């Protein structure tokens, strides 16, 4: 069971102080190579880092691009999709990070080899439009030992970021605040991770079928709750709710695909024995969720930024959030939850079923998705990666 929490991650960073010092000294004597770019993603092979890698490879064959993998499984996956790859840990990962002129990450500097990042041009793609407060803005980030020291270290680490792409002016303001960056380092280019959402749906259906098994022409309902920092999800169905869901899925020719957060502490497997129409899509099987979104007809979520990505499709989003008051108070949100949900949030699976069984409600949820996309996605042309790449080149040129 995944057991990642902010507290454990922060303790690990503090314990690694000697390695940070070694990397800092090494960065003073090792020369960086402008044509070496390293890419890494905290959730595996995918997200905006993969989009930018592929675009850079197609645009400039003189660049040396290397994907830094977390483990042997990711190493094999990166090779399978044709990437030049190395393990981020160990001597080779450290040397590549230390010599790279450009480092591209999606979560934090630890996506690459965190001890060799000083002095590189760092592109922080982030992994979604923030709704819940993140980084310096989040009260949960520093609820552990030495909070003042941790905040100072986070701020120092964030100050190394040279460029953050944003999906919209609203997202740009949140990212500047979260990373403590000046306006000049954040630009509205669109988010590269969203380009795949706007592509042909056929590859998405094939990818989903490979992950969950054949589903024919059935309607796909994707349930994707957010992470709760080690706490279990509050909406794991009871036996009666599983049976109610199974009956609804059968009567509407639908399949419920459950996508727990990669760090989730919850277990949904009891539903699998009740109906073949209830299936799991864990991160171990499909790391990046965005490539399968075009195959999804309806999304059910709570506070996850997946809603902003899925909104690009203009399809219904149902918000299931029984703990909205507690979550808003402890994690913090950048906007009132009712603005995010359009006031349509419900608290039980029976409520969700009632929404999905009502054509007028589905149409209303789809209209709100369009409104979310209009507010939070400045570009909807599938060319975000291209804009980010050109922006990086422009900024590198000015830096030189």
Protein backbone atom coordinates (compact mmCIF):
# COMPACT_ATOMS: atom_id res chain seq x y z
CA UNK A 1 0.00 0.00 0.00
CA UNK A 2 1.41 3.44 -0.91
CA UNK A 3 2.42 5.37 2.17
CA UNK A 4 3.79 8.63 0.79
CA UNK A 5 3.01 11.67 2.93
CA UNK A 6 4.41 15.19 3.10
CA UNK A 7 5.90 14.41 6.51
CA UNK A 8 7.86 11.38 5.27
CA UNK A 9 9.05 13.22 2.17
CA UNK A 10 10.21 16.23 4.18
CA UNK A 11 12.08 14.05 6.68
CA UNK A 12 13.92 12.43 3.80
CA UNK A 13 14.96 15.80 2.42
CA UNK A 14 16.36 16.94 5.75
CA UNK A 15 18.30 13.69 6.13
CA UNK A 16 19.89 14.21 2.71
CA UNK A 17 21.63 17.48 3.62
CA UNK A 18 25.18 16.08 3.11
CA UNK A 19 24.32 14.98 -0.44
CA UNK A 20 22.93 18.41 -1.26
CA UNK A 21 26.22 19.90 -0.06
CA UNK A 22 28.20 17.50 -2.25
CA UNK A 23 26.09 18.37 -5.28
CA UNK A 24 26.52 22.08 -4.66
CA UNK A 25 30.30 21.72 -4.59
CA UNK A 26 30.30 19.55 -7.71
CA UNK A 27 28.20 22.14 -9.59
CA UNK A 28 30.99 24.69 -9.10
CA UNK A 29 33.47 22.67 -11.13
CA UNK A 30 31.39 20.72 -13.66
CA UNK A 31 30.46 22.55 -16.85
CA UNK A 32 26.90 22.22 -18.09
CA UNK A 33 26.21 21.29 -21.71
CA UNK A 34 23.54 23.44 -23.38
CA UNK A 35 22.53 20.70 -25.83
CA UNK A 36 21.92 18.13 -23.05
CA UNK A 37 18.35 18.19 -21.75
CA UNK A 38 17.12 15.76 -19.09
CA UNK A 39 13.45 15.03 -18.46
CA UNK A 40 11.72 13.41 -15.51
CA UNK A 41 8.20 12.98 -14.18
CA UNK A 42 7.16 12.13 -10.63
CA UNK A 43 4.39 9.82 -11.85
CA UNK A 44 6.36 7.89 -14.46
CA UNK A 45 6.67 8.08 -18.23
CA UNK A 46 4.10 10.66 -19.30
CA UNK A 47 2.60 14.04 -18.46
CA UNK A 48 3.95 17.23 -20.02
CA UNK A 49 7.53 16.00 -19.75
CA UNK A 50 6.90 13.23 -22.29
CA UNK A 51 5.08 15.63 -24.63
CA UNK A 52 7.97 18.11 -24.49
CA UNK A 53 10.59 15.37 -24.92
CA UNK A 54 8.93 14.11 -28.09
CA UNK A 55 8.44 17.58 -29.52
CA UNK A 56 12.05 18.62 -28.80
CA UNK A 57 13.32 15.41 -30.43
CA UNK A 58 11.30 16.08 -33.57
CA UNK A 59 12.27 19.76 -33.68
CA UNK A 60 16.04 19.60 -33.12
CA UNK A 61 18.04 16.43 -33.73
CA UNK A 62 21.20 18.08 -32.38
CA UNK A 63 19.81 18.03 -28.84
CA UNK A 64 20.76 15.14 -26.60
CA UNK A 65 17.65 14.18 -24.65
CA UNK A 66 17.65 11.75 -21.72
CA UNK A 67 14.72 10.55 -19.64
CA UNK A 68 15.56 9.91 -15.98
CA UNK A 69 13.64 6.93 -14.61
CA UNK A 70 12.77 6.27 -10.96
CA UNK A 71 13.21 2.49 -11.10
CA UNK A 72 13.72 -0.50 -13.37
CA UNK A 73 10.04 -0.68 -14.32
CA UNK A 74 10.04 2.92 -15.53
CA UNK A 75 13.37 2.30 -17.26
CA UNK A 76 11.77 -0.51 -19.28
CA UNK A 77 8.67 1.55 -20.06
CA UNK A 78 10.76 4.50 -21.30
CA UNK A 79 12.74 2.20 -23.57
CA UNK A 80 9.51 0.64 -24.85
CA UNK A 81 8.26 4.03 -26.07
CA UNK A 82 11.61 4.88 -27.66
CA UNK A 83 13.23 7.22 -25.15
CA UNK A 84 16.92 7.44 -24.29
CA UNK A 85 16.85 6.65 -20.59
CA UNK A 86 18.96 6.33 -17.45
CA UNK A 87 18.16 5.68 -13.79
CA UNK A 88 18.00 8.98 -11.91
CA UNK A 89 19.61 7.51 -8.78
CA UNK A 90 23.21 6.44 -8.74
CA UNK A 91 26.28 7.96 -10.29
CA UNK A 92 25.06 8.14 -13.92
CA UNK A 93 21.81 9.87 -13.04
CA UNK A 94 23.71 12.34 -10.89
CA UNK A 95 26.25 13.09 -13.66
CA UNK A 96 23.57 13.57 -16.31
CA UNK A 97 21.62 15.93 -14.08
CA UNK A 98 24.79 17.79 -13.13
CA UNK A 99 25.82 18.30 -16.76
CA UNK A 100 22.42 19.05 -18.27
CA UNK A 101 21.86 22.56 -19.58
CA UNK A 102 18.08 22.11 -19.23
CA UNK A 103 16.18 20.06 -16.63
CA UNK A 104 12.44 19.43 -17.16
CA UNK A 105 10.32 18.21 -14.22
CA UNK A 106 6.62 17.88 -13.44
CA UNK A 107 6.46 17.54 -9.65
CA UNK A 108 9.68 18.74 -8.06
CA UNK A 109 13.44 18.79 -8.47
CA UNK A 110 13.46 15.28 -7.03
CA UNK A 111 11.95 14.02 -10.30
CA UNK A 112 15.51 14.32 -11.59
CA UNK A 113 18.54 13.69 -9.38
CA UNK A 114 17.84 16.46 -6.88
CA UNK A 115 21.48 16.74 -5.81
CA UNK A 116 22.71 17.85 -9.25
CA UNK A 117 20.22 20.52 -10.28
CA UNK A 118 22.04 23.69 -9.20
CA UNK A 119 22.95 25.93 -12.13
CA UNK A 120 20.75 24.28 -14.78
CA UNK A 121 17.89 25.99 -16.59
CA UNK A 122 14.91 24.44 -14.84
CA UNK A 123 11.50 24.07 -16.47
CA UNK A 124 8.77 23.17 -13.98
CA UNK A 125 5.75 21.90 -15.96
CA UNK A 126 3.75 20.97 -12.84
CA UNK A 127 1.14 18.24 -13.07
CA UNK A 128 -2.17 20.00 -13.39
CA UNK A 129 -3.98 23.27 -12.82
CA UNK A 130 -4.06 23.86 -9.05
CA UNK A 131 -7.39 23.86 -7.22
CA UNK A 132 -6.06 22.70 -3.85
CA UNK A 133 -3.25 24.83 -2.50
CA UNK A 134 0.25 23.58 -3.27
CA UNK A 135 3.86 24.15 -2.27
CA UNK A 136 4.38 27.39 -0.31
CA UNK A 137 0.62 28.07 -0.21
CA UNK A 138 -0.36 24.73 1.31
CA UNK A 139 -0.66 24.50 5.11
CA UNK A 140 -0.16 20.71 5.00
CA UNK A 141 3.21 20.93 3.27
CA UNK A 142 5.00 22.02 6.42
CA UNK A 143 3.15 20.06 9.11
CA UNK A 144 6.19 18.11 10.21
CA UNK A 145 9.50 18.64 11.94
CA UNK A 146 11.22 22.04 11.63
CA UNK A 147 8.45 23.79 9.66
CA UNK A 148 10.31 27.12 9.44
CA UNK A 149 13.42 25.45 8.11
CA UNK A 150 11.36 23.42 5.63
CA UNK A 151 9.59 26.53 4.37
CA UNK A 152 12.94 28.26 3.87
CA UNK A 153 14.28 25.22 1.99
CA UNK A 154 11.16 25.00 -0.19
CA UNK A 155 11.43 28.69 -1.04
CA UNK A 156 15.12 28.36 -1.86
CA UNK A 157 14.45 25.32 -4.03
CA UNK A 158 11.59 27.06 -5.86
CA UNK A 159 13.77 30.10 -6.55
CA UNK A 160 15.89 27.91 -8.84
CA UNK A 161 12.97 27.43 -11.23
CA UNK A 162 13.47 29.45 -14.40
CA UNK A 163 10.20 28.88 -16.24
CA UNK A 164 6.72 27.59 -15.41
CA UNK A 165 4.12 27.29 -18.21
CA UNK A 166 0.53 28.03 -17.22
CA UNK A 167 -2.78 27.08 -18.77
CA UNK A 168 -4.43 30.46 -18.13
CA UNK A 169 -3.92 33.76 -16.30
CA UNK A 170 -5.83 32.27 -13.35
CA UNK A 171 -3.49 29.29 -13.20
CA UNK A 172 -0.45 31.54 -13.68
CA UNK A 173 -1.35 33.60 -10.60
CA UNK A 174 -1.71 30.43 -8.49
CA UNK A 175 1.60 29.00 -9.69
CA UNK A 176 3.46 32.26 -9.03
CA UNK A 177 2.10 32.29 -5.50
CA UNK A 178 2.79 28.61 -4.88
CA UNK A 179 6.43 28.80 -5.97
CA UNK A 180 7.12 32.34 -4.85
CA UNK A 181 8.17 33.35 -8.36
CA UNK A 182 8.16 36.73 -10.11
CA UNK A 183 5.70 37.30 -12.93
CA UNK A 184 8.50 37.07 -15.50
CA UNK A 185 9.10 33.37 -14.83
CA UNK A 186 5.52 32.21 -15.49
CA UNK A 187 3.94 32.46 -18.93
CA UNK A 188 0.52 31.52 -20.29
CA UNK A 189 1.34 29.01 -23.02
CA UNK A 190 -1.11 26.25 -22.25
CA UNK A 191 -0.18 23.02 -20.45
CA UNK A 192 1.64 20.40 -22.58
CA UNK A 193 -0.02 17.55 -20.68
CA UNK A 194 -3.38 18.61 -22.13
CA UNK A 195 -2.47 18.28 -25.81
CA UNK A 196 -3.11 14.53 -25.68
CA UNK A 197 -6.64 15.14 -24.37
CA UNK A 198 -7.59 16.88 -27.63
CA UNK A 199 -6.30 14.17 -29.96
CA UNK A 200 -8.20 11.42 -31.75
CA UNK A 201 -10.17 9.27 -29.32
CA UNK A 202 -9.39 5.97 -31.07
CA UNK A 203 -5.90 5.49 -29.53
CA UNK A 204 -7.39 6.40 -26.14
CA UNK A 205 -10.03 3.68 -26.44
CA UNK A 206 -7.41 1.13 -27.45
CA UNK A 207 -5.18 2.15 -24.54
CA UNK A 208 -8.05 1.91 -22.07
CA UNK A 209 -9.15 -1.49 -23.38
CA UNK A 210 -5.59 -2.76 -23.01
CA UNK A 211 -5.55 -1.56 -19.39
CA UNK A 212 -8.99 -2.70 -18.16
CA UNK A 213 -10.06 -5.31 -20.69
CA UNK A 214 -12.46 -5.08 -23.61
CA UNK A 215 -15.53 -2.96 -22.97
CA UNK A 216 -17.06 -2.80 -26.44
CA UNK A 217 -19.18 0.29 -26.98
CA UNK A 218 -20.23 0.68 -23.33
CA UNK A 219 -20.31 4.13 -21.75
CA UNK A 220 -17.22 4.80 -19.63
CA UNK A 221 -17.65 6.48 -16.24
CA UNK A 222 -14.27 7.32 -14.70
CA UNK A 223 -14.02 7.83 -10.94
CA UNK A 224 -10.78 9.62 -10.00
CA UNK A 225 -10.56 10.99 -6.43
CA UNK A 226 -7.69 13.13 -5.19
CA UNK A 227 -4.98 12.32 -2.65
CA UNK A 228 -5.65 12.94 1.03
CA UNK A 229 -2.09 12.84 2.43
CA UNK A 230 -2.30 9.30 3.76
CA UNK A 231 -5.96 9.34 4.84
CA UNK A 232 -8.44 6.95 3.19
CA UNK A 233 -10.98 8.27 0.70
CA UNK A 234 -14.31 9.02 2.38
CA UNK A 235 -16.39 7.65 -0.50
CA UNK A 236 -15.40 3.99 -0.71
CA UNK A 237 -18.78 2.36 -1.48
CA UNK A 238 -20.48 0.14 1.06
CA UNK A 239 -21.77 -3.27 0.00
CA UNK A 240 -25.20 -1.78 -0.62
CA UNK A 241 -23.73 1.05 -2.68
CA UNK A 242 -21.66 -1.36 -4.77
CA UNK A 243 -24.82 -3.30 -5.53
CA UNK A 244 -26.70 -0.10 -6.38
CA UNK A 245 -23.87 0.92 -8.68
CA UNK A 246 -23.83 -2.51 -10.34
CA UNK A 247 -27.56 -2.33 -11.07
CA UNK A 248 -27.20 1.18 -12.52
CA UNK A 249 -24.26 0.17 -14.71
CA UNK A 250 -26.17 -2.83 -16.03
CA UNK A 251 -29.30 -0.85 -16.83
CA UNK A 252 -27.37 1.90 -18.64
CA UNK A 253 -24.77 -0.22 -20.49
CA UNK A 254 -21.97 1.52 -18.60
CA UNK A 255 -18.61 0.57 -17.12
CA UNK A 256 -17.27 2.22 -13.95
CA UNK A 257 -13.49 2.63 -14.11
CA UNK A 258 -11.95 3.39 -10.71
CA UNK A 259 -8.69 5.30 -10.74
CA UNK A 260 -7.32 5.71 -7.18
CA UNK A 261 -4.69 8.38 -6.70
CA UNK A 262 -1.16 6.91 -7.11
CA UNK A 263 -0.56 7.54 -3.38
CA UNK A 264 -4.02 6.47 -2.27
CA UNK A 265 -4.44 4.59 1.00
CA UNK A 266 -7.84 3.21 -0.05
CA UNK A 267 -8.98 -0.19 -1.32
CA UNK A 268 -11.79 -0.44 -3.88
CA UNK A 269 -11.29 -4.07 -4.86
CA UNK A 270 -14.39 -5.34 -3.06
CA UNK A 271 -16.47 -3.91 -5.89
CA UNK A 272 -14.79 -6.06 -8.51
CA UNK A 273 -16.48 -9.22 -7.30
CA UNK A 274 -19.93 -7.67 -7.47
CA UNK A 275 -19.97 -6.74 -11.14
CA UNK A 276 -17.75 -7.18 -14.19
CA UNK A 277 -18.77 -3.65 -15.07
CA UNK A 278 -16.65 -2.33 -12.18
CA UNK A 279 -12.97 -2.25 -13.10
CA UNK A 280 -9.73 -0.85 -11.71
CA UNK A 281 -7.22 1.37 -13.50
CA UNK A 282 -4.31 1.70 -11.03
CA UNK A 283 -1.33 3.97 -11.68
CA UNK A 284 0.88 0.88 -11.90
CA UNK A 285 -1.01 -0.08 -15.07
CA UNK A 286 -1.56 3.38 -16.58
CA UNK A 287 0.67 6.03 -15.04
CA UNK A 288 -0.54 9.09 -16.96
CA UNK A 289 -4.33 9.30 -16.93
CA UNK A 290 -4.72 12.03 -19.56
CA UNK A 291 -4.18 9.75 -22.60
CA UNK A 292 -7.34 7.78 -21.72
CA UNK A 293 -9.56 10.81 -21.05
CA UNK A 294 -10.79 11.01 -24.68
CA UNK A 295 -12.24 7.51 -24.15
CA UNK A 296 -14.16 8.67 -21.06
CA UNK A 297 -17.80 9.75 -21.32
CA UNK A 298 -18.40 10.95 -17.74
CA UNK A 299 -15.97 11.92 -14.97
CA UNK A 300 -16.68 11.59 -11.24
CA UNK A 301 -14.16 13.35 -9.01
CA UNK A 302 -13.82 15.54 -5.94
CA UNK A 303 -10.93 18.03 -5.66
CA UNK A 304 -8.68 16.61 -8.36
CA UNK A 305 -7.25 18.81 -11.10
CA UNK A 306 -8.28 16.08 -13.54
CA UNK A 307 -11.54 18.04 -13.80
CA UNK A 308 -9.72 20.90 -15.55
CA UNK A 309 -8.15 18.50 -18.06
CA UNK A 310 -11.37 16.61 -18.74
CA UNK A 311 -13.31 19.87 -19.09
CA UNK A 312 -11.55 20.40 -22.43
CA UNK A 313 -13.82 17.69 -23.83
CA UNK A 314 -17.02 19.43 -22.75
CA UNK A 315 -18.42 16.26 -21.20
CA UNK A 316 -20.26 15.87 -17.86
CA UNK A 317 -18.32 16.04 -14.60
CA UNK A 318 -20.03 14.92 -11.38
CA UNK A 319 -18.47 16.16 -8.13
CA UNK A 320 -18.64 13.71 -5.20
CA UNK A 321 -17.25 15.45 -2.12
CA UNK A 322 -18.81 14.61 1.26
CA UNK A 323 -15.79 16.07 3.08
CA UNK A 324 -15.70 19.43 1.30
CA UNK A 325 -15.75 21.51 4.50
CA UNK A 326 -12.99 19.52 6.22
CA UNK A 327 -10.82 19.29 3.12
CA UNK A 328 -11.16 22.98 2.33
CA UNK A 329 -10.20 23.89 5.89
CA UNK A 330 -7.20 21.56 6.18
CA UNK A 331 -5.69 21.58 2.69
CA UNK A 332 -6.96 24.94 1.46
CA UNK A 333 -8.41 25.77 -1.97
CA UNK A 334 -7.61 28.59 -4.36
CA UNK A 335 -11.29 29.27 -4.96
CA UNK A 336 -14.55 28.38 -3.21
CA UNK A 337 -15.47 24.80 -3.96
CA UNK A 338 -18.91 25.77 -5.21
CA UNK A 339 -17.26 27.87 -7.93
CA UNK A 340 -15.23 24.83 -8.98
CA UNK A 341 -18.20 22.44 -8.91
CA UNK A 342 -20.79 24.89 -10.14
CA UNK A 343 -22.74 24.14 -6.97
CA UNK A 344 -23.49 20.63 -8.22
CA UNK A 345 -21.48 18.65 -5.65
CA UNK A 346 -23.14 15.68 -3.93
CA UNK A 347 -22.15 13.55 -0.95
CA UNK A 348 -23.23 9.95 -1.70
CA UNK A 349 -23.05 7.44 -4.52
CA UNK A 350 -26.84 7.38 -4.62
CA UNK A 351 -26.72 11.09 -5.39
CA UNK A 352 -24.20 10.47 -8.17
CA UNK A 353 -26.41 7.79 -9.69
CA UNK A 354 -29.37 10.15 -9.60
CA UNK A 355 -27.34 12.76 -11.51
CA UNK A 356 -26.08 10.32 -14.11
CA UNK A 357 -29.56 8.90 -14.68
CA UNK A 358 -31.01 12.34 -15.42
CA UNK A 359 -30.43 13.66 -18.95
CA UNK A 360 -31.14 17.26 -17.92
CA UNK A 361 -28.62 16.99 -15.08
CA UNK A 362 -26.01 15.53 -17.42
CA UNK A 363 -26.51 18.41 -19.83
CA UNK A 364 -26.10 20.87 -16.95
CA UNK A 365 -22.87 19.16 -15.83
CA UNK A 366 -21.54 19.30 -19.38
CA UNK A 367 -22.27 23.04 -19.62
CA UNK A 368 -20.37 23.60 -16.39
CA UNK A 369 -17.42 21.66 -17.82
CA UNK A 370 -17.40 24.06 -20.75
CA UNK A 371 -17.40 26.96 -18.31
CA UNK A 372 -14.45 25.45 -16.43
CA UNK A 373 -12.50 25.09 -19.65
CA UNK A 374 -13.30 28.65 -20.73
CA UNK A 375 -12.01 30.02 -17.44
CA UNK A 376 -8.97 27.82 -16.91
CA UNK A 377 -7.77 26.86 -20.41
CA UNK A 378 -6.68 29.79 -22.58
CA UNK A 379 -5.70 27.53 -25.50
CA UNK A 380 -7.67 24.59 -26.87
CA UNK A 381 -5.78 24.01 -30.12
CA UNK A 382 -3.53 21.10 -29.10
CA UNK A 383 -0.36 23.19 -29.59
CA UNK A 384 0.59 23.87 -25.97
CA UNK A 385 3.78 21.80 -26.21
CA UNK A 386 4.92 23.72 -29.25
CA UNK A 387 4.42 27.04 -27.46
CA UNK A 388 6.30 25.83 -24.37
CA UNK A 389 9.22 24.59 -26.47
CA UNK A 390 9.49 27.90 -28.35
CA UNK A 391 9.23 29.81 -25.07
CA UNK A 392 12.07 27.79 -23.58
CA UNK A 393 14.29 28.42 -26.60
CA UNK A 394 13.51 32.14 -26.49
CA UNK A 395 14.29 32.38 -22.79
CA UNK A 396 17.49 30.36 -23.18
CA UNK A 397 18.59 32.71 -25.94
CA UNK A 398 18.01 35.76 -23.74
CA UNK A 399 19.83 34.06 -20.86
CA UNK A 400 22.90 33.41 -23.02
